[in-house]
PDB file of all heavy atoms in Angstrom:
ATOM      1  N   PHE A   1      78.563 -57.769 -67.230  1.00  0.00           N
ATOM      2  CA  PHE A   1      79.381 -57.488 -66.042  1.00  0.00           C
ATOM      3  C   PHE A   1      78.490 -57.040 -64.887  1.00  0.00           C
ATOM      4  O   PHE A   1      78.663 -57.476 -63.754  1.00  0.00           O
ATOM      5  CB  PHE A   1      80.414 -56.421 -66.364  1.00  0.00           C
ATOM      6  CG  PHE A   1      81.206 -55.956 -65.177  1.00  0.00           C
ATOM      7  CD1 PHE A   1      82.206 -56.739 -64.631  1.00  0.00           C
ATOM      8  CD2 PHE A   1      80.956 -54.712 -64.600  1.00  0.00           C
ATOM      9  CE1 PHE A   1      82.936 -56.308 -63.524  1.00  0.00           C
ATOM     10  CE2 PHE A   1      81.678 -54.275 -63.510  1.00  0.00           C
ATOM     11  CZ  PHE A   1      82.680 -55.069 -62.969  1.00  0.00           C
ATOM     12  N   SER A   2      77.530 -56.164 -65.173  1.00  0.00           N
ATOM     13  CA  SER A   2      76.626 -55.700 -64.128  1.00  0.00           C
ATOM     14  C   SER A   2      75.799 -56.847 -63.562  1.00  0.00           C
ATOM     15  O   SER A   2      75.598 -56.946 -62.345  1.00  0.00           O
ATOM     16  CB  SER A   2      75.700 -54.611 -64.687  1.00  0.00           C
ATOM     17  OG  SER A   2      74.816 -54.123 -63.681  1.00  0.00           O
ATOM     18  N   SER A   3      75.345 -57.748 -64.424  1.00  0.00           N
ATOM     19  CA  SER A   3      74.578 -58.913 -63.965  1.00  0.00           C
ATOM     20  C   SER A   3      75.465 -59.821 -63.113  1.00  0.00           C
ATOM     21  O   SER A   3      74.999 -60.439 -62.150  1.00  0.00           O
ATOM     22  CB  SER A   3      74.034 -59.682 -65.165  1.00  0.00           C
ATOM     23  OG  SER A   3      73.178 -58.860 -65.943  1.00  0.00           O
ATOM     24  N   TYR A   4      76.743 -59.895 -63.469  1.00  0.00           N
ATOM     25  CA  TYR A   4      77.691 -60.714 -62.700  1.00  0.00           C
ATOM     26  C   TYR A   4      77.874 -60.148 -61.297  1.00  0.00           C
ATOM     27  O   TYR A   4      77.911 -60.912 -60.316  1.00  0.00           O
ATOM     28  CB  TYR A   4      79.012 -60.779 -63.462  1.00  0.00           C
ATOM     29  CG  TYR A   4      80.099 -61.572 -62.785  1.00  0.00           C
ATOM     30  CD1 TYR A   4      79.880 -62.853 -62.314  1.00  0.00           C
ATOM     31  CD2 TYR A   4      81.379 -61.036 -62.649  1.00  0.00           C
ATOM     32  CE1 TYR A   4      80.872 -63.584 -61.714  1.00  0.00           C
ATOM     33  CE2 TYR A   4      82.399 -61.759 -62.053  1.00  0.00           C
ATOM     34  CZ  TYR A   4      82.133 -63.040 -61.589  1.00  0.00           C
ATOM     35  OH  TYR A   4      83.142 -63.761 -60.988  1.00  0.00           O
ATOM     36  N   LEU A   5      77.977 -58.834 -61.170  1.00  0.00           N
ATOM     37  CA  LEU A   5      78.087 -58.222 -59.844  1.00  0.00           C
ATOM     38  C   LEU A   5      76.857 -58.521 -58.997  1.00  0.00           C
ATOM     39  O   LEU A   5      76.952 -58.799 -57.799  1.00  0.00           O
ATOM     40  CB  LEU A   5      78.266 -56.707 -59.981  1.00  0.00           C
ATOM     41  CG  LEU A   5      79.548 -56.189 -60.617  1.00  0.00           C
ATOM     42  CD1 LEU A   5      79.568 -54.663 -60.617  1.00  0.00           C
ATOM     43  CD2 LEU A   5      80.781 -56.742 -59.925  1.00  0.00           C
ATOM     44  N   ASN A   6      75.691 -58.474 -59.627  1.00  0.00           N
ATOM     45  CA  ASN A   6      74.454 -58.783 -58.919  1.00  0.00           C
ATOM     46  C   ASN A   6      74.438 -60.244 -58.481  1.00  0.00           C
ATOM     47  O   ASN A   6      74.002 -60.576 -57.368  1.00  0.00           O
ATOM     48  CB  ASN A   6      73.255 -58.483 -59.820  1.00  0.00           C
ATOM     49  CG  ASN A   6      71.928 -58.718 -59.119  1.00  0.00           C
ATOM     50  OD1 ASN A   6      71.576 -58.036 -58.173  1.00  0.00           O
ATOM     51  ND2 ASN A   6      71.197 -59.720 -59.593  1.00  0.00           N
ATOM     52  N   GLU A   7      74.922 -61.120 -59.343  1.00  0.00           N
ATOM     53  CA  GLU A   7      74.987 -62.547 -59.030  1.00  0.00           C
ATOM     54  C   GLU A   7      75.893 -62.818 -57.833  1.00  0.00           C
ATOM     55  O   GLU A   7      75.625 -63.716 -57.018  1.00  0.00           O
ATOM     56  CB  GLU A   7      75.497 -63.297 -60.258  1.00  0.00           C
ATOM     57  CG  GLU A   7      75.697 -64.787 -60.085  1.00  0.00           C
ATOM     58  CD  GLU A   7      76.310 -65.417 -61.310  1.00  0.00           C
ATOM     59  OE1 GLU A   7      75.971 -65.011 -62.443  1.00  0.00           O
ATOM     60  OE2 GLU A   7      77.152 -66.331 -61.152  1.00  0.00           O
ATOM     61  N   LEU A   8      76.968 -62.046 -57.699  1.00  0.00           N
ATOM     62  CA  LEU A   8      77.919 -62.230 -56.587  1.00  0.00           C
ATOM     63  C   LEU A   8      77.435 -61.626 -55.284  1.00  0.00           C
ATOM     64  O   LEU A   8      78.077 -61.785 -54.264  1.00  0.00           O
ATOM     65  CB  LEU A   8      79.261 -61.606 -56.957  1.00  0.00           C
ATOM     66  CG  LEU A   8      80.025 -62.254 -58.121  1.00  0.00           C
ATOM     67  CD1 LEU A   8      81.278 -61.453 -58.429  1.00  0.00           C
ATOM     68  CD2 LEU A   8      80.365 -63.697 -57.809  1.00  0.00           C
ATOM     69  N   GLY A   9      76.313 -60.910 -55.346  1.00  0.00           N
ATOM     70  CA  GLY A   9      75.776 -60.297 -54.129  1.00  0.00           C
ATOM     71  C   GLY A   9      76.518 -59.038 -53.706  1.00  0.00           C
ATOM     72  O   GLY A   9      76.560 -58.716 -52.500  1.00  0.00           O
ATOM     73  N   ILE A  10      77.100 -58.316 -54.672  1.00  0.00           N
ATOM     74  CA  ILE A  10      77.778 -57.060 -54.346  1.00  0.00           C
ATOM     75  C   ILE A  10      76.729 -56.064 -53.840  1.00  0.00           C
ATOM     76  O   ILE A  10      75.671 -55.914 -54.453  1.00  0.00           O
ATOM     77  CB  ILE A  10      78.476 -56.487 -55.595  1.00  0.00           C
ATOM     78  CG1 ILE A  10      79.482 -57.505 -56.166  1.00  0.00           C
ATOM     79  CG2 ILE A  10      79.165 -55.171 -55.275  1.00  0.00           C
ATOM     80  CD1 ILE A  10      80.601 -57.854 -55.268  1.00  0.00           C
ATOM     81  N   PRO A  11      76.966 -55.382 -52.723  1.00  0.00           N
ATOM     82  CA  PRO A  11      76.002 -54.411 -52.216  1.00  0.00           C
ATOM     83  C   PRO A  11      75.620 -53.374 -53.271  1.00  0.00           C
ATOM     84  O   PRO A  11      76.436 -52.995 -54.106  1.00  0.00           O
ATOM     85  CB  PRO A  11      76.732 -53.766 -51.029  1.00  0.00           C
ATOM     86  CG  PRO A  11      77.714 -54.809 -50.584  1.00  0.00           C
ATOM     87  CD  PRO A  11      78.144 -55.524 -51.834  1.00  0.00           C
ATOM     88  N   GLN A  12      74.377 -52.928 -53.212  1.00  0.00           N
ATOM     89  CA  GLN A  12      73.845 -52.041 -54.251  1.00  0.00           C
ATOM     90  C   GLN A  12      74.654 -50.755 -54.392  1.00  0.00           C
ATOM     91  O   GLN A  12      74.930 -50.304 -55.507  1.00  0.00           O
ATOM     92  CB  GLN A  12      72.381 -51.694 -53.939  1.00  0.00           C
ATOM     93  CG  GLN A  12      71.668 -50.867 -55.002  1.00  0.00           C
ATOM     94  CD  GLN A  12      71.469 -51.647 -56.290  1.00  0.00           C
ATOM     95  OE1 GLN A  12      71.676 -52.860 -56.337  1.00  0.00           O
ATOM     96  NE2 GLN A  12      71.077 -50.957 -57.350  1.00  0.00           N
ATOM     97  N   ALA A  13      75.057 -50.159 -53.280  1.00  0.00           N
ATOM     98  CA  ALA A  13      75.822 -48.906 -53.359  1.00  0.00           C
ATOM     99  C   ALA A  13      77.164 -49.131 -54.033  1.00  0.00           C
ATOM    100  O   ALA A  13      77.604 -48.319 -54.855  1.00  0.00           O
ATOM    101  CB  ALA A  13      76.035 -48.329 -51.947  1.00  0.00           C
ATOM    102  N   THR A  14      77.825 -50.240 -53.706  1.00  0.00           N
ATOM    103  CA  THR A  14      79.096 -50.574 -54.345  1.00  0.00           C
ATOM    104  C   THR A  14      78.887 -50.872 -55.826  1.00  0.00           C
ATOM    105  O   THR A  14      79.662 -50.423 -56.691  1.00  0.00           O
ATOM    106  CB  THR A  14      79.749 -51.786 -53.655  1.00  0.00           C
ATOM    107  OG1 THR A  14      79.899 -51.515 -52.264  1.00  0.00           O
ATOM    108  CG2 THR A  14      81.107 -52.099 -54.263  1.00  0.00           C
ATOM    109  N   HIS A  15      77.829 -51.609 -56.118  1.00  0.00           N
ATOM    110  CA  HIS A  15      77.494 -51.962 -57.499  1.00  0.00           C
ATOM    111  C   HIS A  15      77.293 -50.699 -58.350  1.00  0.00           C
ATOM    112  O   HIS A  15      77.852 -50.579 -59.453  1.00  0.00           O
ATOM    113  CB  HIS A  15      76.211 -52.803 -57.476  1.00  0.00           C
ATOM    114  CG  HIS A  15      75.848 -53.405 -58.794  1.00  0.00           C
ATOM    115  ND1 HIS A  15      75.025 -54.496 -58.902  1.00  0.00           N
ATOM    116  CD2 HIS A  15      76.180 -53.072 -60.062  1.00  0.00           C
ATOM    117  CE1 HIS A  15      74.880 -54.814 -60.174  1.00  0.00           C
ATOM    118  NE2 HIS A  15      75.563 -53.956 -60.893  1.00  0.00           N
ATOM    119  N   GLN A  16      76.524 -49.755 -57.833  1.00  0.00           N
ATOM    120  CA  GLN A  16      76.225 -48.532 -58.578  1.00  0.00           C
ATOM    121  C   GLN A  16      77.480 -47.715 -58.857  1.00  0.00           C
ATOM    122  O   GLN A  16      77.652 -47.184 -59.962  1.00  0.00           O
ATOM    123  CB  GLN A  16      75.215 -47.684 -57.810  1.00  0.00           C
ATOM    124  CG  GLN A  16      73.797 -48.251 -57.840  1.00  0.00           C
ATOM    125  CD  GLN A  16      72.862 -47.469 -56.952  1.00  0.00           C
ATOM    126  OE1 GLN A  16      73.272 -46.834 -55.986  1.00  0.00           O
ATOM    127  NE2 GLN A  16      71.576 -47.508 -57.269  1.00  0.00           N
ATOM    128  N   GLN A  17      78.360 -47.624 -57.892  1.00  0.00           N
ATOM    129  CA  GLN A  17      79.533 -46.786 -58.081  1.00  0.00           C
ATOM    130  C   GLN A  17      80.582 -47.471 -58.968  1.00  0.00           C
ATOM    131  O   GLN A  17      81.298 -46.791 -59.700  1.00  0.00           O
ATOM    132  CB  GLN A  17      80.119 -46.410 -56.721  1.00  0.00           C
ATOM    133  CG  GLN A  17      79.181 -45.503 -55.932  1.00  0.00           C
ATOM    134  CD  GLN A  17      79.835 -44.883 -54.716  1.00  0.00           C
ATOM    135  OE1 GLN A  17      81.008 -44.551 -54.745  1.00  0.00           O
ATOM    136  NE2 GLN A  17      79.085 -44.728 -53.648  1.00  0.00           N
ATOM    137  N   ILE A  18      80.646 -48.796 -58.943  1.00  0.00           N
ATOM    138  CA  ILE A  18      81.527 -49.500 -59.870  1.00  0.00           C
ATOM    139  C   ILE A  18      81.053 -49.299 -61.300  1.00  0.00           C
ATOM    140  O   ILE A  18      81.856 -49.097 -62.217  1.00  0.00           O
ATOM    141  CB  ILE A  18      81.604 -50.990 -59.512  1.00  0.00           C
ATOM    142  CG1 ILE A  18      82.389 -51.195 -58.203  1.00  0.00           C
ATOM    143  CG2 ILE A  18      82.246 -51.792 -60.646  1.00  0.00           C
ATOM    144  CD1 ILE A  18      82.425 -52.634 -57.736  1.00  0.00           C
ATOM    145  N   MET A  19      79.731 -49.332 -61.497  1.00  0.00           N
ATOM    146  CA  MET A  19      79.170 -49.163 -62.834  1.00  0.00           C
ATOM    147  C   MET A  19      79.142 -47.696 -63.265  1.00  0.00           C
ATOM    148  O   MET A  19      78.987 -47.394 -64.447  1.00  0.00           O
ATOM    149  CB  MET A  19      77.751 -49.723 -62.874  1.00  0.00           C
ATOM    150  CG  MET A  19      77.660 -51.230 -62.690  1.00  0.00           C
ATOM    151  SD  MET A  19      78.529 -52.155 -63.966  1.00  0.00           S
ATOM    152  CE  MET A  19      77.618 -51.679 -65.427  1.00  0.00           C
ATOM    153  N   GLY A  20      79.263 -46.767 -62.307  1.00  0.00           N
ATOM    154  CA  GLY A  20      79.178 -45.353 -62.639  1.00  0.00           C
ATOM    155  C   GLY A  20      77.752 -44.887 -62.801  1.00  0.00           C
ATOM    156  O   GLY A  20      77.482 -43.910 -63.510  1.00  0.00           O
ATOM    157  N   HIS A  21      76.814 -45.547 -62.134  1.00  0.00           N
ATOM    158  CA  HIS A  21      75.405 -45.170 -62.194  1.00  0.00           C
ATOM    159  C   HIS A  21      75.047 -44.334 -60.981  1.00  0.00           C
ATOM    160  O   HIS A  21      75.576 -44.555 -59.890  1.00  0.00           O
ATOM    161  CB  HIS A  21      74.511 -46.410 -62.230  1.00  0.00           C
ATOM    162  CG  HIS A  21      74.648 -47.194 -63.491  1.00  0.00           C
ATOM    163  ND1 HIS A  21      74.321 -48.535 -63.573  1.00  0.00           N
ATOM    164  CD2 HIS A  21      75.081 -46.839 -64.728  1.00  0.00           C
ATOM    165  CE1 HIS A  21      74.543 -48.962 -64.819  1.00  0.00           C
ATOM    166  NE2 HIS A  21      75.012 -47.949 -65.517  1.00  0.00           N
ATOM    167  N   GLY A  22      74.138 -43.391 -61.158  1.00  0.00           N
ATOM    168  CA  GLY A  22      73.666 -42.572 -60.058  1.00  0.00           C
ATOM    169  C   GLY A  22      72.564 -43.293 -59.303  1.00  0.00           C
ATOM    170  O   GLY A  22      71.743 -44.007 -59.871  1.00  0.00           O
ATOM    171  N   ALA A  23      72.558 -43.110 -57.985  1.00  0.00           N
ATOM    172  CA  ALA A  23      71.502 -43.689 -57.163  1.00  0.00           C
ATOM    173  C   ALA A  23      70.247 -42.809 -57.232  1.00  0.00           C
ATOM    174  O   ALA A  23      70.296 -41.661 -57.646  1.00  0.00           O
ATOM    175  CB  ALA A  23      71.976 -43.812 -55.710  1.00  0.00           C
ATOM    176  N   HIS A  24      69.127 -43.366 -56.815  1.00  0.00           N
ATOM    177  CA  HIS A  24      67.866 -42.630 -56.869  1.00  0.00           C
ATOM    178  C   HIS A  24      67.534 -41.954 -55.544  1.00  0.00           C
ATOM    179  O   HIS A  24      66.461 -41.387 -55.390  1.00  0.00           O
ATOM    180  CB  HIS A  24      66.718 -43.572 -57.256  1.00  0.00           C
ATOM    181  CG  HIS A  24      66.880 -44.161 -58.624  1.00  0.00           C
ATOM    182  ND1 HIS A  24      66.779 -43.408 -59.773  1.00  0.00           N
ATOM    183  CD2 HIS A  24      67.156 -45.423 -59.022  1.00  0.00           C
ATOM    184  CE1 HIS A  24      66.966 -44.186 -60.824  1.00  0.00           C
ATOM    185  NE2 HIS A  24      67.207 -45.394 -60.402  1.00  0.00           N
ATOM    186  N   ASP A  25      68.418 -42.041 -54.591  1.00  0.00           N
ATOM    187  CA  ASP A  25      68.137 -41.428 -53.303  1.00  0.00           C
ATOM    188  C   ASP A  25      69.335 -40.567 -52.896  1.00  0.00           C
ATOM    189  O   ASP A  25      70.451 -40.745 -53.372  1.00  0.00           O
ATOM    190  CB  ASP A  25      67.880 -42.507 -52.229  1.00  0.00           C
ATOM    191  CG  ASP A  25      69.060 -43.460 -52.076  1.00  0.00           C
ATOM    192  OD1 ASP A  25      69.144 -44.417 -52.855  1.00  0.00           O
ATOM    193  OD2 ASP A  25      69.897 -43.207 -51.184  1.00  0.00           O
ATOM    194  N   VAL A  26      69.077 -39.628 -52.002  1.00  0.00           N
ATOM    195  CA  VAL A  26      70.113 -38.691 -51.570  1.00  0.00           C
ATOM    196  C   VAL A  26      71.250 -39.416 -50.869  1.00  0.00           C
ATOM    197  O   VAL A  26      72.434 -39.108 -51.065  1.00  0.00           O
ATOM    198  CB  VAL A  26      69.504 -37.617 -50.640  1.00  0.00           C
ATOM    199  CG1 VAL A  26      70.593 -36.707 -50.071  1.00  0.00           C
ATOM    200  CG2 VAL A  26      68.481 -36.793 -51.396  1.00  0.00           C
ATOM    201  N   THR A  27      70.903 -40.404 -50.035  1.00  0.00           N
ATOM    202  CA  THR A  27      71.938 -41.127 -49.309  1.00  0.00           C
ATOM    203  C   THR A  27      72.897 -41.816 -50.272  1.00  0.00           C
ATOM    204  O   THR A  27      74.117 -41.713 -50.146  1.00  0.00           O
ATOM    205  CB  THR A  27      71.300 -42.178 -48.378  1.00  0.00           C
ATOM    206  OG1 THR A  27      70.421 -41.510 -47.476  1.00  0.00           O
ATOM    207  CG2 THR A  27      72.367 -42.924 -47.597  1.00  0.00           C
ATOM    208  N   GLY A  28      72.330 -42.513 -51.273  1.00  0.00           N
ATOM    209  CA  GLY A  28      73.185 -43.214 -52.216  1.00  0.00           C
ATOM    210  C   GLY A  28      73.953 -42.289 -53.133  1.00  0.00           C
ATOM    211  O   GLY A  28      75.072 -42.583 -53.538  1.00  0.00           O
ATOM    212  N   THR A  29      73.346 -41.134 -53.474  1.00  0.00           N
ATOM    213  CA  THR A  29      73.966 -40.217 -54.428  1.00  0.00           C
ATOM    214  C   THR A  29      75.088 -39.399 -53.802  1.00  0.00           C
ATOM    215  O   THR A  29      76.170 -39.252 -54.365  1.00  0.00           O
ATOM    216  CB  THR A  29      72.918 -39.272 -55.007  1.00  0.00           C
ATOM    217  OG1 THR A  29      71.871 -40.056 -55.603  1.00  0.00           O
ATOM    218  CG2 THR A  29      73.514 -38.359 -56.063  1.00  0.00           C
ATOM    219  N   PHE A  30      74.834 -38.834 -52.620  1.00  0.00           N
ATOM    220  CA  PHE A  30      75.760 -37.861 -52.053  1.00  0.00           C
ATOM    221  C   PHE A  30      76.610 -38.384 -50.897  1.00  0.00           C
ATOM    222  O   PHE A  30      77.714 -37.905 -50.682  1.00  0.00           O
ATOM    223  CB  PHE A  30      74.990 -36.620 -51.574  1.00  0.00           C
ATOM    224  CG  PHE A  30      74.304 -35.884 -52.681  1.00  0.00           C
ATOM    225  CD1 PHE A  30      72.946 -36.016 -52.871  1.00  0.00           C
ATOM    226  CD2 PHE A  30      75.024 -35.099 -53.574  1.00  0.00           C
ATOM    227  CE1 PHE A  30      72.305 -35.339 -53.904  1.00  0.00           C
ATOM    228  CE2 PHE A  30      74.403 -34.426 -54.604  1.00  0.00           C
ATOM    229  CZ  PHE A  30      73.028 -34.544 -54.765  1.00  0.00           C
ATOM    230  N   TYR A  31      76.099 -39.319 -50.142  1.00  0.00           N
ATOM    231  CA  TYR A  31      76.763 -39.668 -48.902  1.00  0.00           C
ATOM    232  C   TYR A  31      77.461 -41.029 -48.894  1.00  0.00           C
ATOM    233  O   TYR A  31      78.377 -41.251 -48.108  1.00  0.00           O
ATOM    234  CB  TYR A  31      75.751 -39.630 -47.732  1.00  0.00           C
ATOM    235  CG  TYR A  31      75.231 -38.234 -47.504  1.00  0.00           C
ATOM    236  CD1 TYR A  31      73.942 -37.891 -47.861  1.00  0.00           C
ATOM    237  CD2 TYR A  31      76.035 -37.261 -46.933  1.00  0.00           C
ATOM    238  CE1 TYR A  31      73.453 -36.610 -47.656  1.00  0.00           C
ATOM    239  CE2 TYR A  31      75.567 -35.971 -46.726  1.00  0.00           C
ATOM    240  CZ  TYR A  31      74.275 -35.661 -47.087  1.00  0.00           C
ATOM    241  OH  TYR A  31      73.800 -34.391 -46.894  1.00  0.00           O
ATOM    242  N   THR A  32      77.022 -41.955 -49.757  1.00  0.00           N
ATOM    243  CA  THR A  32      77.605 -43.297 -49.753  1.00  0.00           C
ATOM    244  C   THR A  32      78.775 -43.371 -50.713  1.00  0.00           C
ATOM    245  O   THR A  32      78.635 -43.055 -51.884  1.00  0.00           O
ATOM    246  CB  THR A  32      76.550 -44.346 -50.135  1.00  0.00           C
ATOM    247  OG1 THR A  32      75.432 -44.242 -49.246  1.00  0.00           O
ATOM    248  CG2 THR A  32      77.137 -45.758 -50.055  1.00  0.00           C
ATOM    249  N   ARG A  33      79.925 -43.765 -50.211  1.00  0.00           N
ATOM    250  CA  ARG A  33      81.108 -43.957 -51.031  1.00  0.00           C
ATOM    251  C   ARG A  33      81.683 -45.337 -50.730  1.00  0.00           C
ATOM    252  O   ARG A  33      81.522 -45.868 -49.624  1.00  0.00           O
ATOM    253  CB  ARG A  33      82.165 -42.875 -50.742  1.00  0.00           C
ATOM    254  CG  ARG A  33      81.730 -41.474 -51.163  1.00  0.00           C
ATOM    255  CD  ARG A  33      81.638 -41.365 -52.683  1.00  0.00           C
ATOM    256  NE  ARG A  33      81.235 -40.039 -53.100  1.00  0.00           N
ATOM    257  CZ  ARG A  33      79.979 -39.671 -53.341  1.00  0.00           C
ATOM    258  NH1 ARG A  33      78.985 -40.531 -53.163  1.00  0.00           N
ATOM    259  NH2 ARG A  33      79.703 -38.452 -53.737  1.00  0.00           N
ATOM    260  N   ILE A  34      82.368 -45.905 -51.719  1.00  0.00           N
ATOM    261  CA  ILE A  34      82.958 -47.227 -51.520  1.00  0.00           C
ATOM    262  C   ILE A  34      84.193 -47.075 -50.648  1.00  0.00           C
ATOM    263  O   ILE A  34      85.133 -46.364 -51.001  1.00  0.00           O
ATOM    264  CB  ILE A  34      83.350 -47.873 -52.849  1.00  0.00           C
ATOM    265  CG1 ILE A  34      82.146 -47.972 -53.783  1.00  0.00           C
ATOM    266  CG2 ILE A  34      83.923 -49.263 -52.622  1.00  0.00           C
ATOM    267  CD1 ILE A  34      82.486 -48.571 -55.129  1.00  0.00           C
ATOM    268  N   THR A  35      84.220 -47.766 -49.516  1.00  0.00           N
ATOM    269  CA  THR A  35      85.416 -47.783 -48.695  1.00  0.00           C
ATOM    270  C   THR A  35      86.415 -48.752 -49.335  1.00  0.00           C
ATOM    271  O   THR A  35      86.074 -49.584 -50.169  1.00  0.00           O
ATOM    272  CB  THR A  35      85.084 -48.242 -47.265  1.00  0.00           C
ATOM    273  OG1 THR A  35      84.565 -49.581 -47.313  1.00  0.00           O
ATOM    274  CG2 THR A  35      84.052 -47.329 -46.636  1.00  0.00           C
TER     275      THR A  35
END
């Protein structure tokens, strides 16, 4: 499923939050949310 999201070109921030993975940067971890 994760590979499928990457194949569809889902933005990285959206991809991470759909998968429930934490980002490696402060912006992705604390400030970016899926609209």
